[in-house]
Structure formats: C-alpha cells, structure tokens
Amino acid sequence: MKSDKLSPRQLSVAVLVGGLSTGAAAAGRADWRWLLACVPVGVLAGWLLLRKVGRRPLQPVLRVLYGFWAVVLMADALDRTAGRIQAAAGGRGNAGWLLVLLALPLLWMGWGKAAAFFRAVEILWLAAGVTVAAVLLLGVPRMEWTWALKSGGGWLESVEAGTAVLSVGLFVLPFLYKVKEEPGGVHRGLVWLGTLGVLSAALAAVTAGLLSPAVAVELDGPFFTAAGLLGDSARLEGLVSALWLLPDLVFIGLLARSWGDRHWPALAVLTALGAALTGVMGALPGIVAPLGCAILAVLTGLLPAGEEK
C-alpha cells in the first residue's frame, strides 16, 4: 500500500505548476520588472509563515477562511480558463458547458486522497516544464527588446499580479502537517516558489517583447496570443492554450485540497462551479483576488497557530 504521507517535493511541484496558471494570466498585464521585485518579498513572507505554522494544522477559523477564499479563486480560474478555450475556438461553444467539462476531471481529482493527487502532479509536471521551456526558447530570440523595456503596466497592477502568482504557496499551509519529516525539505519549497516568480516574470517579458505593452494590454489572454506568433507555418496559440490546461487544473485542484480529505475537495469544486456559472466573478474588480490572499497571509501570521497533531 502506498503511503498517504506527502513529500515536500510534491507540494513544491504543485505550487510551481499551479502557479503557472496565474503567471500566464499576469503576462501582458504586469511589468516583468515589478514581478521580479515581488519575488524576494514573497519568499520572505513564505519563510515567515512556514516558521509560524510549522507542522501544525491551521486553527478552525483559518481553515474556514482558507476554504472560502479557495472557492473564490477556483471560480475565477474556471471562468478564466473557459473563456480562453472559447476564444481559442473562435468564440464557438457555450461557456456554461465548457465550465462543466472543466469541472469533471477536477471532481475526479478531488474525490481521491491527497497523496494520489500530488503523486500525479509530480509525474506530470515535466510536461508543463517542457511547454514553458519551449515558449521561452522560441520567444526570447524573437523579442523586440525595446518593447520589453517599456513599461508594461502600472506598479500597482503589477504588484497585484505578483501577489496573485506567489500566493499560490499559501494553499499548501492547510495540509503542511501531513508532510513527511525531511531535514530542510519544506524550506526548499521556497526555492520552488522563487522559481515560480522568476518564470512568471520571464513570461511577462516575452509577451511584452513579442507584442509590445501597448498592444498586449488591449488583448484578452495576451500571453497565448504572443505564443501564437512563435510558429513559422502554423499558429501555436490554440496548442499552447490546450497544454496550459495542466497548470490550470493543478491550480484549481490544489485550492480544492484546502477543504480537506475524502469528498470535501469535490464539494469545493461543485461550489466553485456554481459560483462561476452565475457569472459573478466577471463583475469583481481585479484587485479582489490578490487583496484577499494578502489579507489571508496577514491573518495566518497574526492568529495563534493550531494545536500539534
């Protein structure tokens, strides 16, 4: 029988892969230099929270807050992903049915034990890594560096985007107590978190260098539009958009796991699906998601830690 214990590497891989979902969403909307500036701040905040939480479960109040905010972020991610797929299909297809189809694999992923989910992510993360590497290797030589050096967004919007990307690491805290004891293993996750921030900044720089910041800000999903310019004989936008479903599903699956074990993550997916189907997420200002994550991080640092388990 396989162990139900999680390894620090499994959690770190899930944060990196899932964070690429928000990283791609930030590309073209945020200045890559501000995203880089957010990295040391985010890593420092992660270190402080790891010291505070340690190997203890979160207290009940924080668990409820994490679960509630996870649903908000999941609904936003479902809405964003369905919209991207619909755009890649030329606007064809019903957005509601796309949301339901996206939720089906997430329901299956959320029904099993956490260990099975994280083992699957650890196996499949190389596919996301290869996709990112291909985009960067093909994109960097074709960049117009004068465009990349222009301001790609206001500092406030860029800091909001950096906060949203790095806040993915928050959602391993609810089950950090389940991680196997490994000297330095949990803290090595900070290196993976920093890598996520650097990769997100690189994606933003490539997007700005291929499209120009003035054009990118006018587009829906500018990163995927930029990826479509990399092919010599065929557009790659649809292919990259499809491959990016792996980070999207990992991101939403990681958030769902903050609800606990057994059937609870699947229930979280259903709740987020219901919120996404109402269309309420499109009416919320963009600052809501990162601001909520920042408040959650502050509360985690201020409220007393849970009891040893």
C-alpha atoms as a PDB file:
ATOM      1  CA  MET A   1       0.000   0.000   0.000  1.00  0.00           C
ATOM      2  CA  LYS A   2       1.367   3.383  -0.914  1.00  0.00           C
ATOM      3  CA  SER A   3       1.952   5.880   1.862  1.00  0.00           C
ATOM      4  CA  ASP A   4      -0.583   8.660   2.342  1.00  0.00           C
ATOM      5  CA  LYS A   5       2.187  10.954   3.575  1.00  0.00           C
ATOM      6  CA  LEU A   6       3.143  13.829   1.317  1.00  0.00           C
ATOM      7  CA  SER A   7       6.695  14.853   0.448  1.00  0.00           C
ATOM      8  CA  PRO A   8       7.978  18.444   0.398  1.00  0.00           C
ATOM      9  CA  ARG A   9       8.860  17.987  -3.277  1.00  0.00           C
ATOM     10  CA  GLN A  10       5.286  17.040  -4.171  1.00  0.00           C
ATOM     11  CA  LEU A  11       3.899  20.197  -2.580  1.00  0.00           C
ATOM     12  CA  SER A  12       6.598  22.354  -4.184  1.00  0.00           C
ATOM     13  CA  VAL A  13       5.916  20.908  -7.636  1.00  0.00           C
ATOM     14  CA  ALA A  14       2.173  21.559  -7.221  1.00  0.00           C
ATOM     15  CA  VAL A  15       2.847  25.194  -6.294  1.00  0.00           C
ATOM     16  CA  LEU A  16       5.143  25.707  -9.279  1.00  0.00           C
ATOM     17  CA  VAL A  17       2.872  24.049 -11.840  1.00  0.00           C
ATOM     18  CA  GLY A  18      -0.353  25.539 -10.466  1.00  0.00           C
ATOM     19  CA  GLY A  19       1.227  28.962 -10.155  1.00  0.00           C
ATOM     20  CA  LEU A  20       1.970  28.989 -13.880  1.00  0.00           C
ATOM     21  CA  SER A  21      -1.795  29.342 -14.397  1.00  0.00           C
ATOM     22  CA  THR A  22      -1.806  32.734 -12.663  1.00  0.00           C
ATOM     23  CA  GLY A  23       1.599  33.573 -14.140  1.00  0.00           C
ATOM     24  CA  ALA A  24       0.257  33.249 -17.680  1.00  0.00           C
ATOM     25  CA  ALA A  25      -2.764  35.368 -16.738  1.00  0.00           C
ATOM     26  CA  ALA A  26      -0.438  38.112 -15.458  1.00  0.00           C
ATOM     27  CA  ALA A  27       1.731  38.161 -18.599  1.00  0.00           C
ATOM     28  CA  GLY A  28       0.872  41.182 -20.716  1.00  0.00           C
ATOM     29  CA  ARG A  29      -0.948  42.830 -17.804  1.00  0.00           C
ATOM     30  CA  ALA A  30       2.015  43.418 -15.493  1.00  0.00           C
ATOM     31  CA  ASP A  31       5.526  44.802 -15.833  1.00  0.00           C
ATOM     32  CA  TRP A  32       8.033  41.953 -15.588  1.00  0.00           C
ATOM     33  CA  ARG A  33      10.415  44.089 -13.509  1.00  0.00           C
ATOM     34  CA  TRP A  34       7.806  44.584 -10.814  1.00  0.00           C
ATOM     35  CA  LEU A  35       7.058  40.862 -10.897  1.00  0.00           C
ATOM     36  CA  LEU A  36      10.758  40.197 -10.239  1.00  0.00           C
ATOM     37  CA  ALA A  37      10.713  42.715  -7.395  1.00  0.00           C
ATOM     38  CA  CYS A  38       7.844  40.779  -5.784  1.00  0.00           C
ATOM     39  CA  VAL A  39       9.870  37.552  -5.658  1.00  0.00           C
ATOM     40  CA  PRO A  40      12.103  38.273  -2.623  1.00  0.00           C
ATOM     41  CA  VAL A  41       9.155  39.774  -0.741  1.00  0.00           C
ATOM     42  CA  GLY A  42       7.024  36.709  -1.452  1.00  0.00           C
ATOM     43  CA  VAL A  43       9.802  34.294  -0.476  1.00  0.00           C
ATOM     44  CA  LEU A  44      10.412  36.186   2.775  1.00  0.00           C
ATOM     45  CA  ALA A  45       6.685  36.110   3.570  1.00  0.00           C
ATOM     46  CA  GLY A  46       6.657  32.373   2.832  1.00  0.00           C
ATOM     47  CA  TRP A  47       9.576  31.793   5.188  1.00  0.00           C
ATOM     48  CA  LEU A  48       7.846  33.708   7.984  1.00  0.00           C
ATOM     49  CA  LEU A  49       4.602  31.785   7.519  1.00  0.00           C
ATOM     50  CA  LEU A  50       6.416  28.451   7.483  1.00  0.00           C
ATOM     51  CA  ARG A  51       8.039  29.353  10.797  1.00  0.00           C
ATOM     52  CA  LYS A  52       4.673  30.335  12.237  1.00  0.00           C
ATOM     53  CA  VAL A  53       2.625  27.356  11.044  1.00  0.00           C
ATOM     54  CA  GLY A  54       5.343  24.707  11.341  1.00  0.00           C
ATOM     55  CA  ARG A  55       3.978  21.167  11.287  1.00  0.00           C
ATOM     56  CA  ARG A  56       0.661  22.016  12.920  1.00  0.00           C
ATOM     57  CA  PRO A  57      -2.817  22.143  11.359  1.00  0.00           C
ATOM     58  CA  LEU A  58      -4.380  25.549  10.924  1.00  0.00           C
ATOM     59  CA  GLN A  59      -6.843  26.575  13.582  1.00  0.00           C
ATOM     60  CA  PRO A  60     -10.557  26.186  12.698  1.00  0.00           C
ATOM     61  CA  VAL A  61     -11.161  29.879  11.927  1.00  0.00           C
ATOM     62  CA  LEU A  62      -8.289  29.961   9.442  1.00  0.00           C
ATOM     63  CA  ARG A  63      -9.383  26.682   7.859  1.00  0.00           C
ATOM     64  CA  VAL A  64     -12.801  28.194   7.154  1.00  0.00           C
ATOM     65  CA  LEU A  65     -11.249  31.354   5.700  1.00  0.00           C
ATOM     66  CA  TYR A  66      -8.883  29.341   3.503  1.00  0.00           C
ATOM     67  CA  GLY A  67     -11.759  27.198   2.265  1.00  0.00           C
ATOM     68  CA  PHE A  68     -13.944  30.202   1.466  1.00  0.00           C
ATOM     69  CA  TRP A  69     -11.225  32.070  -0.407  1.00  0.00           C
ATOM     70  CA  ALA A  70     -10.184  28.936  -2.255  1.00  0.00           C
ATOM     71  CA  VAL A  71     -13.689  28.783  -3.762  1.00  0.00           C
ATOM     72  CA  VAL A  72     -13.436  32.406  -4.923  1.00  0.00           C
ATOM     73  CA  LEU A  73     -10.072  31.744  -6.599  1.00  0.00           C
ATOM     74  CA  MET A  74     -11.268  28.458  -8.091  1.00  0.00           C
ATOM     75  CA  ALA A  75     -14.352  30.108  -9.602  1.00  0.00           C
ATOM     76  CA  ASP A  76     -12.183  32.871 -11.053  1.00  0.00           C
ATOM     77  CA  ALA A  77      -9.748  30.318 -12.529  1.00  0.00           C
ATOM     78  CA  LEU A  78     -12.586  28.251 -14.023  1.00  0.00           C
ATOM     79  CA  ASP A  79     -14.096  31.366 -15.591  1.00  0.00           C
ATOM     80  CA  ARG A  80     -10.723  32.489 -16.971  1.00  0.00           C
ATOM     81  CA  THR A  81      -9.866  29.076 -18.396  1.00  0.00           C
ATOM     82  CA  ALA A  82     -13.273  28.549 -20.027  1.00  0.00           C
ATOM     83  CA  GLY A  83     -13.059  31.988 -21.603  1.00  0.00           C
ATOM     84  CA  ARG A  84      -9.604  31.233 -23.001  1.00  0.00           C
ATOM     85  CA  ILE A  85     -10.711  27.928 -24.517  1.00  0.00           C
ATOM     86  CA  GLN A  86     -13.756  29.574 -26.061  1.00  0.00           C
ATOM     87  CA  ALA A  87     -11.578  32.329 -27.561  1.00  0.00           C
ATOM     88  CA  ALA A  88      -9.121  29.765 -28.945  1.00  0.00           C
ATOM     89  CA  ALA A  89     -12.074  28.033 -30.647  1.00  0.00           C
ATOM     90  CA  GLY A  90     -13.017  31.265 -32.401  1.00  0.00           C
ATOM     91  CA  GLY A  91     -15.750  32.141 -29.927  1.00  0.00           C
ATOM     92  CA  ARG A  92     -17.630  28.926 -30.598  1.00  0.00           C
ATOM     93  CA  GLY A  93     -19.080  26.793 -27.850  1.00  0.00           C
ATOM     94  CA  ASN A  94     -21.211  27.512 -24.814  1.00  0.00           C
ATOM     95  CA  ALA A  95     -19.259  28.934 -21.877  1.00  0.00           C
ATOM     96  CA  GLY A  96     -21.500  27.149 -19.367  1.00  0.00           C
ATOM     97  CA  TRP A  97     -20.868  23.739 -20.898  1.00  0.00           C
ATOM     98  CA  LEU A  98     -17.138  24.479 -21.025  1.00  0.00           C
ATOM     99  CA  LEU A  99     -17.196  25.199 -17.291  1.00  0.00           C
ATOM    100  CA  VAL A 100     -18.956  21.893 -16.628  1.00  0.00           C
ATOM    101  CA  LEU A 101     -16.471  19.981 -18.799  1.00  0.00           C
ATOM    102  CA  LEU A 102     -13.566  21.581 -16.963  1.00  0.00           C
ATOM    103  CA  ALA A 103     -15.105  20.649 -13.621  1.00  0.00           C
ATOM    104  CA  LEU A 104     -15.489  16.945 -14.477  1.00  0.00           C
ATOM    105  CA  PRO A 105     -11.774  15.993 -14.229  1.00  0.00           C
ATOM    106  CA  LEU A 106     -11.487  18.209 -11.154  1.00  0.00           C
ATOM    107  CA  LEU A 107     -14.311  16.296  -9.464  1.00  0.00           C
ATOM    108  CA  TRP A 108     -12.463  13.059 -10.172  1.00  0.00           C
ATOM    109  CA  MET A 109      -9.171  14.533  -8.922  1.00  0.00           C
ATOM    110  CA  GLY A 110     -10.862  15.807  -5.774  1.00  0.00           C
ATOM    111  CA  TRP A 111     -12.566  12.542  -4.831  1.00  0.00           C
ATOM    112  CA  GLY A 112      -9.407  10.575  -4.098  1.00  0.00           C
ATOM    113  CA  LYS A 113      -6.847  11.007  -1.368  1.00  0.00           C
ATOM    114  CA  ALA A 114      -4.471  13.948  -1.354  1.00  0.00           C
ATOM    115  CA  ALA A 115      -1.446  11.672  -1.805  1.00  0.00           C
ATOM    116  CA  ALA A 116      -2.772  10.374  -5.131  1.00  0.00           C
ATOM    117  CA  PHE A 117      -3.336  13.904  -6.429  1.00  0.00           C
ATOM    118  CA  PHE A 118       0.159  15.082  -5.521  1.00  0.00           C
ATOM    119  CA  ARG A 119       1.799  11.956  -6.913  1.00  0.00           C
ATOM    120  CA  ALA A 120       0.049  12.578 -10.235  1.00  0.00           C
ATOM    121  CA  VAL A 121       1.220  16.199 -10.276  1.00  0.00           C
ATOM    122  CA  GLU A 122       4.777  15.105  -9.550  1.00  0.00           C
ATOM    123  CA  ILE A 123       4.670  12.727 -12.530  1.00  0.00           C
ATOM    124  CA  LEU A 124       3.105  15.181 -14.980  1.00  0.00           C
ATOM    125  CA  TRP A 125       4.902  18.372 -14.058  1.00  0.00           C
ATOM    126  CA  LEU A 126       7.616  17.809 -16.659  1.00  0.00           C
ATOM    127  CA  ALA A 127       5.006  18.349 -19.387  1.00  0.00           C
ATOM    128  CA  ALA A 128       4.372  21.845 -18.037  1.00  0.00           C
ATOM    129  CA  GLY A 129       8.114  22.421 -17.733  1.00  0.00           C
ATOM    130  CA  VAL A 130       8.734  21.442 -21.341  1.00  0.00           C
ATOM    131  CA  THR A 131       5.945  23.767 -22.519  1.00  0.00           C
ATOM    132  CA  VAL A 132       7.361  26.725 -20.591  1.00  0.00           C
ATOM    133  CA  ALA A 133      10.884  25.984 -21.813  1.00  0.00           C
ATOM    134  CA  ALA A 134       9.702  25.783 -25.424  1.00  0.00           C
ATOM    135  CA  VAL A 135       7.888  29.121 -25.206  1.00  0.00           C
ATOM    136  CA  LEU A 136      10.923  30.826 -23.677  1.00  0.00           C
ATOM    137  CA  LEU A 137      13.468  29.254 -26.035  1.00  0.00           C
ATOM    138  CA  LEU A 138      11.402  30.160 -29.094  1.00  0.00           C
ATOM    139  CA  GLY A 139      10.282  33.528 -27.795  1.00  0.00           C
ATOM    140  CA  VAL A 140      13.433  35.136 -26.399  1.00  0.00           C
ATOM    141  CA  PRO A 141      15.333  35.247 -29.748  1.00  0.00           C
ATOM    142  CA  ARG A 142      12.312  36.883 -31.428  1.00  0.00           C
ATOM    143  CA  MET A 143      11.713  39.542 -28.795  1.00  0.00           C
ATOM    144  CA  GLU A 144      11.889  43.217 -29.607  1.00  0.00           C
ATOM    145  CA  TRP A 145      13.898  44.340 -26.611  1.00  0.00           C
ATOM    146  CA  THR A 146      12.866  47.972 -26.878  1.00  0.00           C
ATOM    147  CA  TRP A 147       9.283  46.817 -26.340  1.00  0.00           C
ATOM    148  CA  ALA A 148      10.266  44.609 -23.415  1.00  0.00           C
ATOM    149  CA  LEU A 149      11.986  47.537 -21.690  1.00  0.00           C
ATOM    150  CA  LYS A 150       8.949  49.772 -21.950  1.00  0.00           C
ATOM    151  CA  SER A 151       6.596  49.998 -19.001  1.00  0.00           C
ATOM    152  CA  GLY A 152       4.217  47.061 -19.245  1.00  0.00           C
ATOM    153  CA  GLY A 153       1.701  48.128 -16.633  1.00  0.00           C
ATOM    154  CA  GLY A 154       1.359  50.326 -13.588  1.00  0.00           C
ATOM    155  CA  TRP A 155       3.237  49.400 -10.443  1.00  0.00           C
ATOM    156  CA  LEU A 156       0.028  48.757  -8.503  1.00  0.00           C
ATOM    157  CA  GLU A 157      -1.389  46.388 -11.128  1.00  0.00           C
ATOM    158  CA  SER A 158       1.982  44.644 -11.355  1.00  0.00           C
ATOM    159  CA  VAL A 159       2.253  44.187  -7.586  1.00  0.00           C
ATOM    160  CA  GLU A 160      -1.308  42.829  -7.553  1.00  0.00           C
ATOM    161  CA  ALA A 161      -0.321  40.312 -10.235  1.00  0.00           C
ATOM    162  CA  GLY A 162       2.855  39.325  -8.368  1.00  0.00           C
ATOM    163  CA  THR A 163       0.839  38.818  -5.193  1.00  0.00           C
ATOM    164  CA  ALA A 164      -1.670  36.623  -7.020  1.00  0.00           C
ATOM    165  CA  VAL A 165       1.107  34.454  -8.501  1.00  0.00           C
ATOM    166  CA  LEU A 166       3.098  33.930  -5.304  1.00  0.00           C
ATOM    167  CA  SER A 167       0.001  33.484  -3.120  1.00  0.00           C
ATOM    168  CA  VAL A 168      -0.465  30.018  -4.624  1.00  0.00           C
ATOM    169  CA  GLY A 169       2.038  28.875  -1.990  1.00  0.00           C
ATOM    170  CA  LEU A 170      -0.424  29.826   0.763  1.00  0.00           C
ATOM    171  CA  PHE A 171      -2.644  26.900  -0.080  1.00  0.00           C
ATOM    172  CA  VAL A 172      -0.168  24.231   0.965  1.00  0.00           C
ATOM    173  CA  LEU A 173      -0.294  25.509   4.554  1.00  0.00           C
ATOM    174  CA  PRO A 174      -3.615  23.781   5.434  1.00  0.00           C
ATOM    175  CA  PHE A 175      -2.040  20.328   4.972  1.00  0.00           C
ATOM    176  CA  LEU A 176       1.606  21.053   5.711  1.00  0.00           C
ATOM    177  CA  TYR A 177       1.324  18.925   8.851  1.00  0.00           C
ATOM    178  CA  LYS A 178       0.860  15.861   6.612  1.00  0.00           C
ATOM    179  CA  VAL A 179       4.286  16.261   5.024  1.00  0.00           C
ATOM    180  CA  LYS A 180       6.929  13.657   5.819  1.00  0.00           C
ATOM    181  CA  GLU A 181       9.731  14.832   8.069  1.00  0.00           C
ATOM    182  CA  GLU A 182      12.687  15.724   5.866  1.00  0.00           C
ATOM    183  CA  PRO A 183      15.513  17.996   7.073  1.00  0.00           C
ATOM    184  CA  GLY A 184      15.297  21.227   5.101  1.00  0.00           C
ATOM    185  CA  GLY A 185      12.732  19.741   2.730  1.00  0.00           C
ATOM    186  CA  VAL A 186       9.851  22.078   3.448  1.00  0.00           C
ATOM    187  CA  HIS A 187      12.043  25.163   3.307  1.00  0.00           C
ATOM    188  CA  ARG A 188      13.476  24.095  -0.036  1.00  0.00           C
ATOM    189  CA  GLY A 189       9.979  24.753  -1.263  1.00  0.00           C
ATOM    190  CA  LEU A 190      10.860  28.449  -1.012  1.00  0.00           C
ATOM    191  CA  VAL A 191      13.312  27.916  -3.865  1.00  0.00           C
ATOM    192  CA  TRP A 192      10.478  26.493  -5.985  1.00  0.00           C
ATOM    193  CA  LEU A 193       8.293  29.452  -5.014  1.00  0.00           C
ATOM    194  CA  GLY A 194      11.025  31.866  -6.078  1.00  0.00           C
ATOM    195  CA  THR A 195      11.421  29.946  -9.337  1.00  0.00           C
ATOM    196  CA  LEU A 196       7.697  30.378  -9.988  1.00  0.00           C
ATOM    197  CA  GLY A 197       8.060  34.140  -9.564  1.00  0.00           C
ATOM    198  CA  VAL A 198      11.054  34.306 -11.911  1.00  0.00           C
ATOM    199  CA  LEU A 199       9.328  32.192 -14.581  1.00  0.00           C
ATOM    200  CA  SER A 200       6.212  34.368 -14.372  1.00  0.00           C
ATOM    201  CA  ALA A 201       8.364  37.465 -14.875  1.00  0.00           C
ATOM    202  CA  ALA A 202      10.032  35.785 -17.859  1.00  0.00           C
ATOM    203  CA  LEU A 203       6.656  35.000 -19.434  1.00  0.00           C
ATOM    204  CA  ALA A 204       5.630  38.627 -18.943  1.00  0.00           C
ATOM    205  CA  ALA A 205       8.863  39.867 -20.541  1.00  0.00           C
ATOM    206  CA  VAL A 206       8.466  37.574 -23.571  1.00  0.00           C
ATOM    207  CA  THR A 207       4.846  38.654 -24.012  1.00  0.00           C
ATOM    208  CA  ALA A 208       5.818  42.332 -23.914  1.00  0.00           C
ATOM    209  CA  GLY A 209       8.742  41.745 -26.271  1.00  0.00           C
ATOM    210  CA  LEU A 210       6.627  39.933 -28.849  1.00  0.00           C
ATOM    211  CA  LEU A 211       3.501  42.108 -28.794  1.00  0.00           C
ATOM    212  CA  SER A 212       4.589  45.423 -27.201  1.00  0.00           C
ATOM    213  CA  PRO A 213       2.947  46.518 -23.942  1.00  0.00           C
ATOM    214  CA  ALA A 214       0.539  48.859 -25.748  1.00  0.00           C
ATOM    215  CA  VAL A 215      -0.886  46.000 -27.821  1.00  0.00           C
ATOM    216  CA  ALA A 216      -0.787  43.379 -25.060  1.00  0.00           C
ATOM    217  CA  VAL A 217      -2.947  45.397 -22.684  1.00  0.00           C
ATOM    218  CA  GLU A 218      -5.720  45.591 -25.302  1.00  0.00           C
ATOM    219  CA  LEU A 219      -5.931  41.811 -25.791  1.00  0.00           C
ATOM    220  CA  ASP A 220      -7.690  39.019 -23.930  1.00  0.00           C
ATOM    221  CA  GLY A 221      -5.073  36.445 -22.957  1.00  0.00           C
ATOM    222  CA  PRO A 222      -2.067  38.287 -24.437  1.00  0.00           C
ATOM    223  CA  PHE A 223       0.375  35.546 -23.414  1.00  0.00           C
ATOM    224  CA  PHE A 224      -1.383  32.992 -25.605  1.00  0.00           C
ATOM    225  CA  THR A 225      -1.629  35.475 -28.476  1.00  0.00           C
ATOM    226  CA  ALA A 226       2.128  36.008 -28.177  1.00  0.00           C
ATOM    227  CA  ALA A 227       2.693  32.232 -28.175  1.00  0.00           C
ATOM    228  CA  GLY A 228       0.749  32.066 -31.427  1.00  0.00           C
ATOM    229  CA  LEU A 229       3.408  34.218 -33.093  1.00  0.00           C
ATOM    230  CA  LEU A 230       6.163  31.696 -32.467  1.00  0.00           C
ATOM    231  CA  GLY A 231       5.256  29.215 -35.220  1.00  0.00           C
ATOM    232  CA  ASP A 232       6.663  29.668 -38.712  1.00  0.00           C
ATOM    233  CA  SER A 233       3.988  27.680 -40.501  1.00  0.00           C
ATOM    234  CA  ALA A 234       1.054  27.400 -38.091  1.00  0.00           C
ATOM    235  CA  ARG A 235      -0.419  29.296 -35.204  1.00  0.00           C
ATOM    236  CA  LEU A 236       0.514  27.837 -31.849  1.00  0.00           C
ATOM    237  CA  GLU A 237      -1.967  29.803 -29.781  1.00  0.00           C
ATOM    238  CA  GLY A 238      -4.526  27.003 -29.610  1.00  0.00           C
ATOM    239  CA  LEU A 239      -1.890  24.356 -28.880  1.00  0.00           C
ATOM    240  CA  VAL A 240      -0.276  26.307 -26.032  1.00  0.00           C
ATOM    241  CA  SER A 241      -3.713  27.174 -24.673  1.00  0.00           C
ATOM    242  CA  ALA A 242      -4.607  23.474 -24.600  1.00  0.00           C
ATOM    243  CA  LEU A 243      -1.305  22.464 -22.998  1.00  0.00           C
ATOM    244  CA  TRP A 244      -1.808  25.135 -20.348  1.00  0.00           C
ATOM    245  CA  LEU A 245      -4.841  23.246 -19.093  1.00  0.00           C
ATOM    246  CA  LEU A 246      -2.439  21.200 -16.952  1.00  0.00           C
ATOM    247  CA  PRO A 247      -1.365  24.212 -14.827  1.00  0.00           C
ATOM    248  CA  ASP A 248      -4.979  25.385 -14.684  1.00  0.00           C
ATOM    249  CA  LEU A 249      -6.249  22.033 -13.404  1.00  0.00           C
ATOM    250  CA  VAL A 250      -3.380  21.668 -10.928  1.00  0.00           C
ATOM    251  CA  PHE A 251      -4.032  25.179  -9.608  1.00  0.00           C
ATOM    252  CA  ILE A 252      -7.740  24.544  -9.064  1.00  0.00           C
ATOM    253  CA  GLY A 253      -7.070  21.057  -7.676  1.00  0.00           C
ATOM    254  CA  LEU A 254      -4.555  22.449  -5.173  1.00  0.00           C
ATOM    255  CA  LEU A 255      -7.078  25.031  -3.991  1.00  0.00           C
ATOM    256  CA  ALA A 256      -9.762  22.361  -3.624  1.00  0.00           C
ATOM    257  CA  ARG A 257      -7.474  20.308  -1.387  1.00  0.00           C
ATOM    258  CA  SER A 258      -7.622  23.057   1.239  1.00  0.00           C
ATOM    259  CA  TRP A 259     -11.123  21.736   2.050  1.00  0.00           C
ATOM    260  CA  GLY A 260      -9.678  18.523   3.471  1.00  0.00           C
ATOM    261  CA  ASP A 261      -9.891  14.843   2.535  1.00  0.00           C
ATOM    262  CA  ARG A 262     -12.478  12.385   1.226  1.00  0.00           C
ATOM    263  CA  HIS A 263     -15.384  14.047  -0.617  1.00  0.00           C
ATOM    264  CA  TRP A 264     -14.688  17.615   0.559  1.00  0.00           C
ATOM    265  CA  PRO A 265     -12.421  18.712  -2.351  1.00  0.00           C
ATOM    266  CA  ALA A 266     -15.049  17.513  -4.843  1.00  0.00           C
ATOM    267  CA  LEU A 267     -17.666  19.536  -2.970  1.00  0.00           C
ATOM    268  CA  ALA A 268     -15.366  22.555  -3.194  1.00  0.00           C
ATOM    269  CA  VAL A 269     -15.196  22.114  -6.982  1.00  0.00           C
ATOM    270  CA  LEU A 270     -19.003  21.950  -7.215  1.00  0.00           C
ATOM    271  CA  THR A 271     -19.325  25.119  -5.123  1.00  0.00           C
ATOM    272  CA  ALA A 272     -16.806  26.944  -7.311  1.00  0.00           C
ATOM    273  CA  LEU A 273     -18.550  25.700 -10.453  1.00  0.00           C
ATOM    274  CA  GLY A 274     -21.845  27.097  -9.196  1.00  0.00           C
ATOM    275  CA  ALA A 275     -20.219  30.469  -8.493  1.00  0.00           C
ATOM    276  CA  ALA A 276     -18.589  30.529 -11.938  1.00  0.00           C
ATOM    277  CA  LEU A 277     -21.867  29.664 -13.692  1.00  0.00           C
ATOM    278  CA  THR A 278     -23.579  32.683 -12.117  1.00  0.00           C
ATOM    279  CA  GLY A 279     -21.087  34.985 -13.874  1.00  0.00           C
ATOM    280  CA  VAL A 280     -20.420  36.871 -10.646  1.00  0.00           C
ATOM    281  CA  MET A 281     -16.643  36.519 -10.995  1.00  0.00           C
ATOM    282  CA  GLY A 282     -16.568  38.711 -14.091  1.00  0.00           C
ATOM    283  CA  ALA A 283     -18.152  41.545 -12.111  1.00  0.00           C
ATOM    284  CA  LEU A 284     -15.481  41.577  -9.381  1.00  0.00           C
ATOM    285  CA  PRO A 285     -12.574  44.057  -9.674  1.00  0.00           C
ATOM    286  CA  GLY A 286      -9.202  42.515 -10.448  1.00  0.00           C
ATOM    287  CA  ILE A 287      -7.760  43.639  -7.123  1.00  0.00           C
ATOM    288  CA  VAL A 288     -10.135  41.398  -5.142  1.00  0.00           C
ATOM    289  CA  ALA A 289      -8.217  38.119  -5.602  1.00  0.00           C
ATOM    290  CA  PRO A 290      -4.708  39.345  -4.646  1.00  0.00           C
ATOM    291  CA  LEU A 291      -6.048  41.552  -1.847  1.00  0.00           C
ATOM    292  CA  GLY A 292      -7.909  38.621  -0.327  1.00  0.00           C
ATOM    293  CA  CYS A 293      -4.758  36.485  -0.492  1.00  0.00           C
ATOM    294  CA  ALA A 294      -2.715  39.228   1.177  1.00  0.00           C
ATOM    295  CA  ILE A 295      -5.271  39.521   3.992  1.00  0.00           C
ATOM    296  CA  LEU A 296      -5.254  35.724   4.381  1.00  0.00           C
ATOM    297  CA  ALA A 297      -1.446  35.741   4.707  1.00  0.00           C
ATOM    298  CA  VAL A 298      -1.559  38.501   7.338  1.00  0.00           C
ATOM    299  CA  LEU A 299      -4.228  36.673   9.353  1.00  0.00           C
ATOM    300  CA  THR A 300      -2.197  33.464   9.189  1.00  0.00           C
ATOM    301  CA  GLY A 301       0.758  35.323  10.665  1.00  0.00           C
ATOM    302  CA  LEU A 302      -1.247  37.079  13.371  1.00  0.00           C
ATOM    303  CA  LEU A 303      -3.703  34.454  14.616  1.00  0.00           C
ATOM    304  CA  PRO A 304      -2.461  31.754  17.008  1.00  0.00           C
ATOM    305  CA  ALA A 305      -1.260  28.536  15.372  1.00  0.00           C
ATOM    306  CA  GLY A 306      -3.281  25.338  15.688  1.00  0.00           C
ATOM    307  CA  GLU A 307      -2.552  22.501  18.073  1.00  0.00           C
ATOM    308  CA  GLU A 308       0.039  19.834  17.409  1.00  0.00           C
ATOM    309  CA  LYS A 309      -1.236  16.739  15.615  1.00  0.00           C
END
